[in-house]
Amino acid sequence: MRTRADIMAWRRAERVRLQEARRALGRAEREASTARIAELLQRNFPELAGAAVGFYWPFKGELDLRGLARTLHEAGSRLSLPVVVQKAAPLEFWHWEPRTRLARGDWGIPVPAERIVEHPTALIVPLLGFDEAGYRLGYGGGYYDRTLAAMEPRPFTVGAGFELGRLKTIFPLEHDIPLDAIATEAGFVRHDRIDGRRRPAD
């Protein structure tokens, strides 16, 4: 890639390709992958146990981890969902429980009807694409990058998605923020950021 314009054009094309590939997944394959990833997250990420965890409501065929969210809630974690409160601004996370009343948010995604702001110590982040360095390719709105840049202290972040989203690189730009870990049905990788090393696992 030579220029920012080249990278942005490539990303637009990759988003289309990856969404089509994700839509083509069969129900059995999707359910098996979901169960596998939920198990990996619960077993290998103590950062989620008994913590303040932000998760997401599935959108456009994203991995559906609402079952894991309920399990974490039952085990004592405090859950919240991301909410767009202003265009091109950081997300807020509003308190969620299994019986929380929901309303329609941006793009029709359900969000808690009542604004009870939480400050997550860990985030489960949806992946459309991802690369070997832990950078995430989303839908292009930049909401998670802006949110992570603004959060202090920054929460632990694990991206969850299908293995079909794996890329060699997303050609990261200055605003892109890598995640601390990535989990797919093929396994998971933690990225040590202190000394620049990455630690593969599973």
Foldseek 3Di string as FASTA:
>chain_A
DPDPVVLVVVLVVLLVVLLVVLVPDDPVRLVLFLVLQLVQCVPPPPLLALFAEEEEPDDSNWRHCVVSVQVNVVRHYWYWYWAPPDQLAETFTATDHPPFDWDQGPPRGTHGPDRDTDQGQEYAAEASAAAPQQWGRDDPRCHVLNNQVPHVPRHQYEYEGAPVRYDNDSPDDPSIDGHQKYTTSVGIWGADDPVRRTGGDD
